[in-house]
């Protein structure tokens, strides 16, 4: 019987305390509480559509702004994926997903290569380029992109995000996080035809 791939990671700084538990092979409850409601919603979508058991708890200096909490949650979620995958043997390694959300359409393509990189391309006029209406502290596309960059770096993953359409900010970012969840699920899936590390050179980096 294959070993269940799971990890629990805790990060404590003077700005935040973050704890993440992840089980890649068990579709279960997704519980997220970061103090940033929009991020909670996006991570719930990621776990639900990736079919992961995921718990995220964070407490941060939100009286300053959401920057530190958003970044550190991205780091710890990324570390949890990295640790749960271990040597990354026997996995598909690559994942791709297109997700529509009403008028929005996003694609995420990723590679658990060990070489962290985030590349984002947006259609001209995409809603992701526009900050939503609201006061200081409202989640914006720059925050989502910073989360993705922190996640890519900590999980040692190459991630390409393409936003083809989307006039509504919420729909656009939701399509991205759903696509990320589905692409992650495809990439971490065990493949019986893959023996050892999925690389012709015998190692990923």
N, C-alpha and C. Protein backbone atom coordinates (compact mmCIF):
# COMPACT_ATOMS: atom_id res chain seq x y z
N UNK A 1 0.85 -1.20 0.00
CA UNK A 1 0.00 0.00 0.00
C UNK A 1 0.88 1.25 0.00
N UNK A 2 0.58 2.18 -0.88
CA UNK A 2 1.38 3.40 -1.01
C UNK A 2 1.29 4.25 0.25
N UNK A 3 2.40 4.86 0.59
CA UNK A 3 2.44 5.75 1.75
C UNK A 3 1.59 6.99 1.49
N UNK A 4 0.80 7.35 2.48
CA UNK A 4 0.00 8.57 2.36
C UNK A 4 0.92 9.78 2.42
N UNK A 5 0.78 10.65 1.46
CA UNK A 5 1.65 11.83 1.38
C UNK A 5 0.97 12.99 2.11
N UNK A 6 1.59 13.40 3.19
CA UNK A 6 1.01 14.47 3.99
C UNK A 6 2.12 15.29 4.64
N UNK A 7 1.75 16.48 5.10
CA UNK A 7 2.72 17.34 5.78
C UNK A 7 1.97 18.31 6.66
N UNK A 8 2.63 18.70 7.75
CA UNK A 8 2.16 19.78 8.60
C UNK A 8 3.32 20.73 8.79
N UNK A 9 3.10 21.99 8.47
CA UNK A 9 4.17 22.99 8.52
C UNK A 9 3.70 24.17 9.35
N UNK A 10 4.60 24.67 10.20
CA UNK A 10 4.29 25.84 11.03
C UNK A 10 5.38 26.88 10.85
N UNK A 11 4.97 28.11 10.69
CA UNK A 11 5.92 29.22 10.54
C UNK A 11 5.53 30.32 11.53
N UNK A 12 6.50 30.75 12.33
CA UNK A 12 6.25 31.80 13.32
C UNK A 12 7.27 32.91 13.11
N UNK A 13 6.78 34.12 12.93
CA UNK A 13 7.64 35.29 12.85
C UNK A 13 7.07 36.36 13.79
N UNK A 14 7.71 37.51 13.85
CA UNK A 14 7.19 38.60 14.66
C UNK A 14 5.94 39.21 14.04
N UNK A 15 5.67 38.85 12.76
CA UNK A 15 4.53 39.41 12.04
C UNK A 15 3.36 38.45 11.91
N UNK A 16 3.66 37.15 11.83
CA UNK A 16 2.60 36.16 11.59
C UNK A 16 2.87 34.84 12.29
N UNK A 17 1.80 34.09 12.48
CA UNK A 17 1.88 32.69 12.87
C UNK A 17 0.97 31.92 11.91
N UNK A 18 1.56 30.96 11.19
CA UNK A 18 0.81 30.22 10.17
C UNK A 18 1.02 28.73 10.37
N UNK A 19 -0.07 27.98 10.29
CA UNK A 19 0.01 26.52 10.37
C UNK A 19 -0.82 25.91 9.25
N UNK A 20 -0.22 24.98 8.52
CA UNK A 20 -0.89 24.32 7.40
C UNK A 20 -0.74 22.81 7.52
N UNK A 21 -1.86 22.10 7.38
CA UNK A 21 -1.83 20.64 7.29
C UNK A 21 -2.40 20.25 5.94
N UNK A 22 -1.72 19.31 5.27
CA UNK A 22 -2.10 18.93 3.91
C UNK A 22 -1.98 17.43 3.74
N UNK A 23 -2.98 16.81 3.14
CA UNK A 23 -2.92 15.40 2.75
C UNK A 23 -3.25 15.33 1.27
N UNK A 24 -2.28 14.91 0.46
CA UNK A 24 -2.46 14.90 -0.99
C UNK A 24 -3.38 13.78 -1.46
N UNK A 25 -3.43 12.68 -0.73
CA UNK A 25 -4.14 11.49 -1.20
C UNK A 25 -5.48 11.26 -0.52
N UNK A 26 -5.93 12.24 0.23
CA UNK A 26 -7.21 12.08 0.92
C UNK A 26 -8.08 13.31 0.68
N UNK A 27 -9.14 13.09 -0.06
CA UNK A 27 -10.09 14.18 -0.29
C UNK A 27 -10.90 14.31 0.99
N UNK A 28 -10.76 15.43 1.65
CA UNK A 28 -11.42 15.59 2.94
C UNK A 28 -11.83 17.02 3.17
N UNK A 29 -12.00 17.36 4.41
CA UNK A 29 -12.45 18.69 4.76
C UNK A 29 -11.39 19.73 4.40
N UNK A 30 -11.85 20.86 3.95
CA UNK A 30 -10.98 22.01 3.69
C UNK A 30 -11.40 23.10 4.67
N UNK A 31 -10.48 23.45 5.56
CA UNK A 31 -10.78 24.47 6.59
C UNK A 31 -9.71 25.55 6.51
N UNK A 32 -10.15 26.76 6.24
CA UNK A 32 -9.21 27.85 6.06
C UNK A 32 -9.67 29.06 6.88
N UNK A 33 -8.75 29.59 7.69
CA UNK A 33 -9.04 30.79 8.45
C UNK A 33 -7.75 31.60 8.58
N UNK A 34 -7.64 32.61 7.74
CA UNK A 34 -6.42 33.42 7.72
C UNK A 34 -6.64 34.83 8.24
N UNK A 35 -7.90 35.22 8.40
CA UNK A 35 -8.21 36.61 8.74
C UNK A 35 -8.43 37.46 7.52
N UNK A 36 -8.16 36.89 6.33
CA UNK A 36 -8.39 37.58 5.05
C UNK A 36 -9.49 36.81 4.33
N UNK A 37 -10.70 37.31 4.37
CA UNK A 37 -11.86 36.54 3.90
C UNK A 37 -11.72 36.12 2.45
N UNK A 38 -11.24 37.00 1.59
CA UNK A 38 -11.12 36.66 0.17
C UNK A 38 -10.10 35.54 -0.04
N UNK A 39 -8.97 35.60 0.67
CA UNK A 39 -7.96 34.55 0.57
C UNK A 39 -8.52 33.23 1.10
N UNK A 40 -9.29 33.29 2.18
CA UNK A 40 -9.94 32.08 2.70
C UNK A 40 -10.77 31.41 1.62
N UNK A 41 -11.54 32.22 0.90
CA UNK A 41 -12.40 31.71 -0.16
C UNK A 41 -11.58 31.08 -1.28
N UNK A 42 -10.50 31.74 -1.69
CA UNK A 42 -9.68 31.22 -2.78
C UNK A 42 -8.98 29.92 -2.39
N UNK A 43 -8.47 29.83 -1.16
CA UNK A 43 -7.80 28.59 -0.73
C UNK A 43 -8.79 27.46 -0.53
N UNK A 44 -10.01 27.79 -0.14
CA UNK A 44 -11.04 26.77 -0.04
C UNK A 44 -11.33 26.19 -1.43
N UNK A 45 -11.37 27.05 -2.44
CA UNK A 45 -11.57 26.59 -3.81
C UNK A 45 -10.40 25.71 -4.27
N UNK A 46 -9.18 26.13 -3.94
CA UNK A 46 -7.99 25.36 -4.33
C UNK A 46 -8.05 23.95 -3.75
N UNK A 47 -8.32 23.85 -2.44
CA UNK A 47 -8.37 22.54 -1.80
C UNK A 47 -9.52 21.69 -2.29
N UNK A 48 -10.67 22.31 -2.49
CA UNK A 48 -11.86 21.58 -2.93
C UNK A 48 -11.68 21.01 -4.33
N UNK A 49 -11.20 21.83 -5.25
CA UNK A 49 -11.07 21.39 -6.64
C UNK A 49 -9.80 20.59 -6.89
N UNK A 50 -8.85 20.66 -5.96
CA UNK A 50 -7.68 19.80 -6.04
C UNK A 50 -7.89 18.47 -5.34
N UNK A 51 -9.02 18.36 -4.61
CA UNK A 51 -9.36 17.14 -3.86
C UNK A 51 -8.30 16.82 -2.81
N UNK A 52 -7.85 17.87 -2.12
CA UNK A 52 -6.89 17.69 -1.03
C UNK A 52 -7.60 17.91 0.30
N UNK A 53 -7.11 17.24 1.34
CA UNK A 53 -7.51 17.59 2.71
C UNK A 53 -6.57 18.71 3.14
N UNK A 54 -7.12 19.87 3.43
CA UNK A 54 -6.30 21.04 3.67
C UNK A 54 -6.84 21.86 4.83
N UNK A 55 -5.96 22.16 5.77
CA UNK A 55 -6.29 23.05 6.88
C UNK A 55 -5.26 24.17 6.91
N UNK A 56 -5.74 25.41 6.93
CA UNK A 56 -4.86 26.58 6.98
C UNK A 56 -5.35 27.48 8.11
N UNK A 57 -4.46 27.78 9.04
CA UNK A 57 -4.77 28.69 10.13
C UNK A 57 -3.68 29.75 10.20
N UNK A 58 -4.08 31.01 10.25
CA UNK A 58 -3.09 32.09 10.28
C UNK A 58 -3.56 33.23 11.16
N UNK A 59 -2.60 33.83 11.81
CA UNK A 59 -2.84 35.04 12.59
C UNK A 59 -1.70 36.00 12.25
N UNK A 60 -2.07 37.21 11.80
CA UNK A 60 -1.03 38.13 11.39
C UNK A 60 -1.35 39.57 11.73
N UNK A 61 -0.44 40.45 11.34
CA UNK A 61 -0.57 41.86 11.67
C UNK A 61 -1.47 42.58 10.66
N UNK A 62 -2.72 42.16 10.63
CA UNK A 62 -3.67 42.73 9.68
C UNK A 62 -4.02 44.18 10.03
N UNK A 63 -3.65 44.62 11.22
CA UNK A 63 -3.84 46.04 11.55
C UNK A 63 -2.89 46.92 10.75
N UNK A 64 -1.79 46.32 10.26
CA UNK A 64 -0.86 47.04 9.38
C UNK A 64 -1.43 46.99 7.97
N UNK A 65 -1.50 45.79 7.40
CA UNK A 65 -2.20 45.50 6.15
C UNK A 65 -2.13 43.99 5.96
N UNK A 66 -2.58 43.50 4.81
CA UNK A 66 -2.65 42.05 4.63
C UNK A 66 -1.39 41.46 4.01
N UNK A 67 -0.39 42.28 3.71
CA UNK A 67 0.79 41.83 2.96
C UNK A 67 1.51 40.66 3.63
N UNK A 68 1.87 40.81 4.90
CA UNK A 68 2.66 39.78 5.56
C UNK A 68 1.90 38.47 5.69
N UNK A 69 0.63 38.54 6.06
CA UNK A 69 -0.16 37.32 6.23
C UNK A 69 -0.34 36.62 4.89
N UNK A 70 -0.68 37.37 3.86
CA UNK A 70 -0.87 36.81 2.53
C UNK A 70 0.40 36.11 2.05
N UNK A 71 1.54 36.76 2.20
CA UNK A 71 2.81 36.19 1.77
C UNK A 71 3.16 34.94 2.55
N UNK A 72 3.05 35.01 3.87
CA UNK A 72 3.47 33.87 4.70
C UNK A 72 2.55 32.66 4.53
N UNK A 73 1.27 32.90 4.28
CA UNK A 73 0.38 31.77 3.99
C UNK A 73 0.82 31.12 2.68
N UNK A 74 1.17 31.92 1.67
CA UNK A 74 1.68 31.35 0.42
C UNK A 74 2.93 30.52 0.63
N UNK A 75 3.83 31.02 1.47
CA UNK A 75 5.06 30.29 1.77
C UNK A 75 4.76 28.95 2.42
N UNK A 76 3.90 28.95 3.44
CA UNK A 76 3.67 27.73 4.21
C UNK A 76 2.84 26.71 3.42
N UNK A 77 1.88 27.16 2.65
CA UNK A 77 1.14 26.22 1.79
C UNK A 77 2.11 25.60 0.78
N UNK A 78 3.00 26.41 0.22
CA UNK A 78 4.00 25.88 -0.70
C UNK A 78 4.94 24.88 -0.04
N UNK A 79 5.39 25.18 1.16
CA UNK A 79 6.26 24.26 1.90
C UNK A 79 5.54 22.94 2.19
N UNK A 80 4.26 23.02 2.48
CA UNK A 80 3.49 21.80 2.76
C UNK A 80 3.44 20.90 1.53
N UNK A 81 3.23 21.47 0.34
CA UNK A 81 3.25 20.66 -0.88
C UNK A 81 4.64 20.08 -1.11
N UNK A 82 5.67 20.87 -0.92
CA UNK A 82 7.04 20.39 -1.12
C UNK A 82 7.35 19.23 -0.19
N UNK A 83 7.00 19.36 1.08
CA UNK A 83 7.29 18.29 2.03
C UNK A 83 6.44 17.05 1.81
N UNK A 84 5.16 17.25 1.46
CA UNK A 84 4.28 16.10 1.23
C UNK A 84 4.75 15.28 0.03
N UNK A 85 5.33 15.93 -0.97
CA UNK A 85 5.80 15.23 -2.17
C UNK A 85 7.12 14.51 -1.94
N UNK A 86 7.89 14.92 -0.96
CA UNK A 86 9.15 14.27 -0.68
C UNK A 86 10.09 14.33 -1.86
N UNK A 87 10.60 13.17 -2.32
CA UNK A 87 11.55 13.12 -3.43
C UNK A 87 10.87 13.27 -4.79
N UNK A 88 9.55 13.40 -4.80
CA UNK A 88 8.79 13.61 -6.04
C UNK A 88 8.90 12.43 -7.00
N UNK A 89 8.99 11.24 -6.44
CA UNK A 89 9.09 10.05 -7.27
C UNK A 89 7.72 9.54 -7.67
N UNK A 90 7.63 9.03 -8.89
CA UNK A 90 6.42 8.36 -9.36
C UNK A 90 5.23 9.26 -9.61
N UNK A 91 5.46 10.56 -9.77
CA UNK A 91 4.34 11.47 -10.00
C UNK A 91 4.31 11.93 -11.46
N UNK A 92 3.20 12.49 -11.87
CA UNK A 92 3.10 13.02 -13.23
C UNK A 92 4.04 14.20 -13.45
N UNK A 93 4.24 14.98 -12.41
CA UNK A 93 5.12 16.15 -12.41
C UNK A 93 4.49 17.38 -13.06
N UNK A 94 3.85 17.22 -14.20
CA UNK A 94 3.24 18.34 -14.91
C UNK A 94 1.74 18.36 -14.71
N UNK A 95 1.16 19.55 -14.70
CA UNK A 95 -0.29 19.67 -14.59
C UNK A 95 -0.78 20.86 -15.38
N UNK A 96 -1.96 20.74 -15.98
CA UNK A 96 -2.55 21.84 -16.72
C UNK A 96 -4.06 21.83 -16.52
N UNK A 97 -4.64 23.01 -16.39
CA UNK A 97 -6.09 23.09 -16.25
C UNK A 97 -6.59 24.42 -16.80
N UNK A 98 -7.67 24.33 -17.57
CA UNK A 98 -8.42 25.51 -18.00
C UNK A 98 -9.69 25.55 -17.16
N UNK A 99 -10.01 26.71 -16.61
CA UNK A 99 -11.25 26.84 -15.83
C UNK A 99 -12.01 28.10 -16.27
N UNK A 100 -13.29 27.93 -16.64
CA UNK A 100 -14.14 29.09 -16.88
C UNK A 100 -14.89 29.45 -15.61
N UNK A 101 -15.12 30.70 -15.42
CA UNK A 101 -15.98 31.16 -14.32
C UNK A 101 -16.85 32.27 -14.91
N UNK A 102 -18.02 31.84 -15.40
CA UNK A 102 -18.89 32.74 -16.14
C UNK A 102 -18.11 33.39 -17.28
N UNK A 103 -17.91 34.72 -17.26
CA UNK A 103 -17.25 35.38 -18.39
C UNK A 103 -15.72 35.25 -18.33
N UNK A 104 -15.18 34.75 -17.23
CA UNK A 104 -13.72 34.65 -17.05
C UNK A 104 -13.21 33.29 -17.52
N UNK A 105 -11.97 33.29 -18.01
CA UNK A 105 -11.32 32.05 -18.41
C UNK A 105 -9.85 32.14 -18.05
N UNK A 106 -9.37 31.14 -17.30
CA UNK A 106 -7.97 31.12 -16.87
C UNK A 106 -7.36 29.75 -17.12
N UNK A 107 -6.07 29.75 -17.36
CA UNK A 107 -5.32 28.50 -17.51
C UNK A 107 -4.12 28.53 -16.58
N UNK A 108 -3.87 27.42 -15.91
CA UNK A 108 -2.66 27.26 -15.10
C UNK A 108 -1.92 26.03 -15.60
N UNK A 109 -0.65 26.21 -15.90
CA UNK A 109 0.24 25.12 -16.32
C UNK A 109 1.41 25.11 -15.36
N UNK A 110 1.71 23.94 -14.78
CA UNK A 110 2.79 23.92 -13.79
C UNK A 110 3.66 22.68 -13.91
N UNK A 111 4.83 22.80 -13.32
CA UNK A 111 5.85 21.76 -13.36
C UNK A 111 6.53 21.71 -12.00
N UNK A 112 6.45 20.57 -11.32
CA UNK A 112 7.15 20.39 -10.05
C UNK A 112 8.63 20.09 -10.37
N UNK A 113 9.28 21.07 -10.94
CA UNK A 113 10.62 20.92 -11.50
C UNK A 113 11.72 21.11 -10.48
N UNK A 114 11.40 21.72 -9.34
CA UNK A 114 12.44 22.11 -8.40
C UNK A 114 13.00 23.48 -8.72
N UNK A 115 12.54 24.08 -9.82
CA UNK A 115 13.01 25.40 -10.24
C UNK A 115 11.85 26.39 -10.13
N UNK A 116 11.79 27.16 -9.07
CA UNK A 116 10.64 28.04 -8.84
C UNK A 116 10.59 29.21 -9.81
N UNK A 117 9.41 29.41 -10.38
CA UNK A 117 9.21 30.53 -11.30
C UNK A 117 7.72 30.77 -11.46
N UNK A 118 7.31 32.02 -11.43
CA UNK A 118 5.92 32.38 -11.73
C UNK A 118 5.92 33.31 -12.92
N UNK A 119 5.10 32.97 -13.92
CA UNK A 119 4.92 33.81 -15.09
C UNK A 119 3.42 34.04 -15.24
N UNK A 120 3.01 35.30 -15.35
CA UNK A 120 1.59 35.65 -15.48
C UNK A 120 1.40 36.46 -16.75
N UNK A 121 0.43 36.05 -17.57
CA UNK A 121 0.06 36.80 -18.76
C UNK A 121 -1.43 37.09 -18.70
N UNK A 122 -1.80 38.31 -19.04
CA UNK A 122 -3.20 38.71 -18.96
C UNK A 122 -3.65 39.33 -20.27
N UNK A 123 -4.87 39.02 -20.66
CA UNK A 123 -5.46 39.67 -21.81
C UNK A 123 -5.62 41.16 -21.52
N UNK A 124 -5.46 41.96 -22.55
CA UNK A 124 -5.62 43.40 -22.37
C UNK A 124 -7.02 43.71 -21.84
N UNK A 125 -7.06 44.52 -20.79
CA UNK A 125 -8.36 44.88 -20.21
C UNK A 125 -8.89 43.88 -19.21
N UNK A 126 -8.08 42.87 -18.87
CA UNK A 126 -8.51 41.87 -17.90
C UNK A 126 -8.88 42.52 -16.57
N UNK A 127 -9.91 41.99 -15.93
CA UNK A 127 -10.34 42.52 -14.63
C UNK A 127 -9.25 42.37 -13.59
N UNK A 128 -8.34 41.43 -13.76
CA UNK A 128 -7.27 41.24 -12.78
C UNK A 128 -6.35 42.45 -12.72
N UNK A 129 -6.32 43.23 -13.79
CA UNK A 129 -5.49 44.42 -13.80
C UNK A 129 -6.10 45.55 -12.98
N UNK A 130 -7.38 45.43 -12.71
CA UNK A 130 -8.10 46.51 -12.04
C UNK A 130 -8.32 46.17 -10.57
N UNK A 131 -8.03 47.09 -9.70
CA UNK A 131 -8.30 46.88 -8.28
C UNK A 131 -9.80 46.96 -8.04
N UNK A 132 -10.36 46.07 -7.21
CA UNK A 132 -11.78 46.16 -6.90
C UNK A 132 -12.07 47.40 -6.07
N UNK A 133 -13.28 47.87 -6.13
CA UNK A 133 -13.64 49.02 -5.31
C UNK A 133 -13.60 48.64 -3.84
N UNK A 134 -13.18 49.56 -3.03
CA UNK A 134 -13.15 49.27 -1.60
C UNK A 134 -12.09 50.09 -0.90
N UNK A 135 -12.02 49.95 0.39
CA UNK A 135 -11.08 50.72 1.18
C UNK A 135 -9.73 50.00 1.26
N UNK A 136 -8.79 50.63 1.91
CA UNK A 136 -7.46 50.05 2.12
C UNK A 136 -7.59 48.68 2.79
N UNK A 137 -6.84 47.71 2.28
CA UNK A 137 -6.90 46.37 2.85
C UNK A 137 -7.73 45.41 2.04
N UNK A 138 -8.42 45.91 0.99
CA UNK A 138 -9.19 45.03 0.12
C UNK A 138 -8.23 44.21 -0.75
N UNK A 139 -8.50 42.92 -0.88
CA UNK A 139 -7.64 42.03 -1.66
C UNK A 139 -7.65 42.45 -3.12
N UNK A 140 -6.45 42.59 -3.69
CA UNK A 140 -6.31 43.02 -5.07
C UNK A 140 -5.48 42.01 -5.85
N UNK A 141 -5.41 42.21 -7.18
CA UNK A 141 -4.66 41.25 -8.00
C UNK A 141 -3.20 41.17 -7.59
N UNK A 142 -2.61 42.30 -7.21
CA UNK A 142 -1.22 42.26 -6.76
C UNK A 142 -1.02 41.33 -5.57
N UNK A 143 -2.02 41.24 -4.71
CA UNK A 143 -1.95 40.33 -3.56
C UNK A 143 -2.03 38.87 -4.03
N UNK A 144 -2.93 38.60 -4.97
CA UNK A 144 -3.06 37.24 -5.50
C UNK A 144 -1.76 36.81 -6.18
N UNK A 145 -1.18 37.72 -6.96
CA UNK A 145 0.06 37.40 -7.66
C UNK A 145 1.20 37.18 -6.67
N UNK A 146 1.23 37.98 -5.59
CA UNK A 146 2.27 37.80 -4.58
C UNK A 146 2.10 36.46 -3.85
N UNK A 147 0.86 36.06 -3.58
CA UNK A 147 0.62 34.75 -2.99
C UNK A 147 1.14 33.66 -3.91
N UNK A 148 0.82 33.74 -5.19
CA UNK A 148 1.24 32.71 -6.15
C UNK A 148 2.76 32.66 -6.26
N UNK A 149 3.41 33.81 -6.24
CA UNK A 149 4.87 33.86 -6.29
C UNK A 149 5.48 33.21 -5.05
N UNK A 150 4.92 33.50 -3.88
CA UNK A 150 5.41 32.90 -2.63
C UNK A 150 5.21 31.39 -2.65
N UNK A 151 4.05 30.96 -3.14
CA UNK A 151 3.75 29.53 -3.24
C UNK A 151 4.72 28.84 -4.20
N UNK A 152 4.95 29.44 -5.37
CA UNK A 152 5.85 28.84 -6.36
C UNK A 152 7.25 28.69 -5.80
N UNK A 153 7.72 29.72 -5.11
CA UNK A 153 9.07 29.69 -4.56
C UNK A 153 9.21 28.61 -3.48
N UNK A 154 8.24 28.56 -2.57
CA UNK A 154 8.34 27.62 -1.45
C UNK A 154 8.10 26.18 -1.88
N UNK A 155 7.28 25.97 -2.89
CA UNK A 155 7.01 24.60 -3.36
C UNK A 155 7.99 24.16 -4.44
N UNK A 156 8.85 25.09 -4.86
CA UNK A 156 9.86 24.84 -5.89
C UNK A 156 9.19 24.36 -7.18
N UNK A 157 8.26 25.20 -7.64
CA UNK A 157 7.43 24.85 -8.79
C UNK A 157 7.46 25.97 -9.83
N UNK A 158 7.50 25.59 -11.10
CA UNK A 158 7.31 26.54 -12.19
C UNK A 158 5.81 26.63 -12.47
N UNK A 159 5.28 27.85 -12.44
CA UNK A 159 3.84 28.05 -12.65
C UNK A 159 3.62 29.14 -13.70
N UNK A 160 2.84 28.81 -14.72
CA UNK A 160 2.42 29.79 -15.73
C UNK A 160 0.92 30.00 -15.58
N UNK A 161 0.52 31.25 -15.47
CA UNK A 161 -0.89 31.61 -15.36
C UNK A 161 -1.25 32.48 -16.55
N UNK A 162 -2.27 32.06 -17.28
CA UNK A 162 -2.77 32.85 -18.40
C UNK A 162 -4.23 33.21 -18.15
N UNK A 163 -4.52 34.49 -18.17
CA UNK A 163 -5.89 34.97 -18.01
C UNK A 163 -6.36 35.44 -19.39
N UNK A 164 -7.26 34.68 -19.99
CA UNK A 164 -7.70 34.96 -21.34
C UNK A 164 -8.88 35.94 -21.38
N UNK A 165 -9.70 35.92 -20.34
CA UNK A 165 -10.88 36.78 -20.31
C UNK A 165 -11.35 36.95 -18.88
N UNK A 166 -12.08 38.02 -18.63
CA UNK A 166 -12.66 38.24 -17.32
C UNK A 166 -12.91 39.70 -17.05
N UNK A 167 -14.17 40.06 -16.96
CA UNK A 167 -14.51 41.46 -16.67
C UNK A 167 -14.84 41.67 -15.19
N UNK A 168 -15.03 40.58 -14.46
CA UNK A 168 -15.34 40.66 -13.03
C UNK A 168 -14.12 40.16 -12.25
N UNK A 169 -13.63 40.99 -11.31
CA UNK A 169 -12.42 40.65 -10.55
C UNK A 169 -12.57 39.33 -9.80
N UNK A 170 -13.67 39.17 -9.08
CA UNK A 170 -13.89 37.97 -8.29
C UNK A 170 -13.88 36.73 -9.18
N UNK A 171 -14.62 36.77 -10.27
CA UNK A 171 -14.68 35.63 -11.18
C UNK A 171 -13.30 35.29 -11.74
N UNK A 172 -12.54 36.32 -12.07
CA UNK A 172 -11.23 36.11 -12.69
C UNK A 172 -10.27 35.41 -11.73
N UNK A 173 -10.18 35.92 -10.51
CA UNK A 173 -9.26 35.32 -9.53
C UNK A 173 -9.75 33.93 -9.13
N UNK A 174 -11.06 33.76 -9.04
CA UNK A 174 -11.62 32.44 -8.72
C UNK A 174 -11.25 31.42 -9.78
N UNK A 175 -11.31 31.81 -11.04
CA UNK A 175 -10.92 30.89 -12.12
C UNK A 175 -9.46 30.48 -11.98
N UNK A 176 -8.60 31.43 -11.60
CA UNK A 176 -7.18 31.13 -11.43
C UNK A 176 -6.95 30.13 -10.30
N UNK A 177 -7.58 30.32 -9.16
CA UNK A 177 -7.34 29.42 -8.03
C UNK A 177 -7.97 28.04 -8.25
N UNK A 178 -9.10 27.99 -8.91
CA UNK A 178 -9.67 26.68 -9.26
C UNK A 178 -8.75 25.95 -10.23
N UNK A 179 -8.23 26.68 -11.22
CA UNK A 179 -7.32 26.07 -12.18
C UNK A 179 -6.03 25.60 -11.50
N UNK A 180 -5.55 26.38 -10.53
CA UNK A 180 -4.36 25.98 -9.78
C UNK A 180 -4.63 24.68 -9.03
N UNK A 181 -5.78 24.56 -8.38
CA UNK A 181 -6.12 23.34 -7.67
C UNK A 181 -6.16 22.13 -8.58
N UNK A 182 -6.80 22.26 -9.74
CA UNK A 182 -6.90 21.15 -10.67
C UNK A 182 -5.55 20.78 -11.28
N UNK A 183 -4.72 21.80 -11.58
CA UNK A 183 -3.39 21.53 -12.13
C UNK A 183 -2.49 20.85 -11.09
N UNK A 184 -2.59 21.28 -9.84
CA UNK A 184 -1.83 20.63 -8.78
C UNK A 184 -2.24 19.16 -8.63
N UNK A 185 -3.54 18.91 -8.67
CA UNK A 185 -4.03 17.55 -8.54
C UNK A 185 -3.46 16.65 -9.64
N UNK A 186 -3.42 17.17 -10.87
CA UNK A 186 -2.89 16.38 -11.98
C UNK A 186 -1.39 16.14 -11.82
N UNK A 187 -0.66 17.16 -11.37
CA UNK A 187 0.79 17.05 -11.27
C UNK A 187 1.25 16.12 -10.15
N UNK A 188 0.54 16.13 -9.02
CA UNK A 188 0.96 15.30 -7.88
C UNK A 188 0.44 13.87 -7.96
N UNK A 189 -0.45 13.61 -8.90
CA UNK A 189 -1.04 12.27 -9.01
C UNK A 189 0.04 11.22 -9.27
N UNK A 190 -0.07 10.10 -8.60
CA UNK A 190 0.85 8.99 -8.83
C UNK A 190 0.57 8.37 -10.20
N UNK A 191 1.65 8.02 -10.90
CA UNK A 191 1.54 7.40 -12.22
C UNK A 191 2.32 6.09 -12.19
N UNK A 192 1.65 4.94 -12.31
CA UNK A 192 2.35 3.66 -12.21
C UNK A 192 3.38 3.44 -13.31
N UNK A 193 3.32 4.23 -14.37
CA UNK A 193 4.28 4.09 -15.46
C UNK A 193 5.56 4.87 -15.20
N UNK A 194 5.53 5.73 -14.18
CA UNK A 194 6.72 6.53 -13.85
C UNK A 194 7.52 5.81 -12.76
N UNK A 195 8.72 5.45 -13.08
CA UNK A 195 9.59 4.77 -12.13
C UNK A 195 10.63 5.76 -11.60
N UNK A 196 10.58 6.02 -10.33
CA UNK A 196 11.52 6.95 -9.74
C UNK A 196 11.16 8.39 -10.05
N UNK A 197 12.19 9.23 -10.18
CA UNK A 197 11.98 10.65 -10.42
C UNK A 197 11.61 10.86 -11.89
N UNK A 198 10.57 11.64 -12.20
CA UNK A 198 10.13 11.84 -13.57
C UNK A 198 11.04 12.81 -14.33
N UNK A 199 12.25 12.36 -14.64
CA UNK A 199 13.20 13.20 -15.37
C UNK A 199 14.18 12.30 -16.12
N UNK A 200 14.50 12.67 -17.36
CA UNK A 200 15.44 11.87 -18.16
C UNK A 200 16.86 11.93 -17.62
N UNK A 201 17.16 12.94 -16.80
CA UNK A 201 18.52 13.05 -16.25
C UNK A 201 18.64 12.41 -14.88
N UNK A 202 17.53 11.87 -14.36
CA UNK A 202 17.58 11.15 -13.08
C UNK A 202 17.40 12.01 -11.87
N UNK A 203 17.23 13.30 -12.07
CA UNK A 203 16.96 14.22 -10.97
C UNK A 203 16.26 15.44 -11.56
N UNK A 204 15.58 16.18 -10.69
CA UNK A 204 14.77 17.29 -11.17
C UNK A 204 15.52 18.62 -11.22
N UNK A 205 16.60 18.75 -10.46
CA UNK A 205 17.32 20.02 -10.47
C UNK A 205 18.77 19.80 -10.11
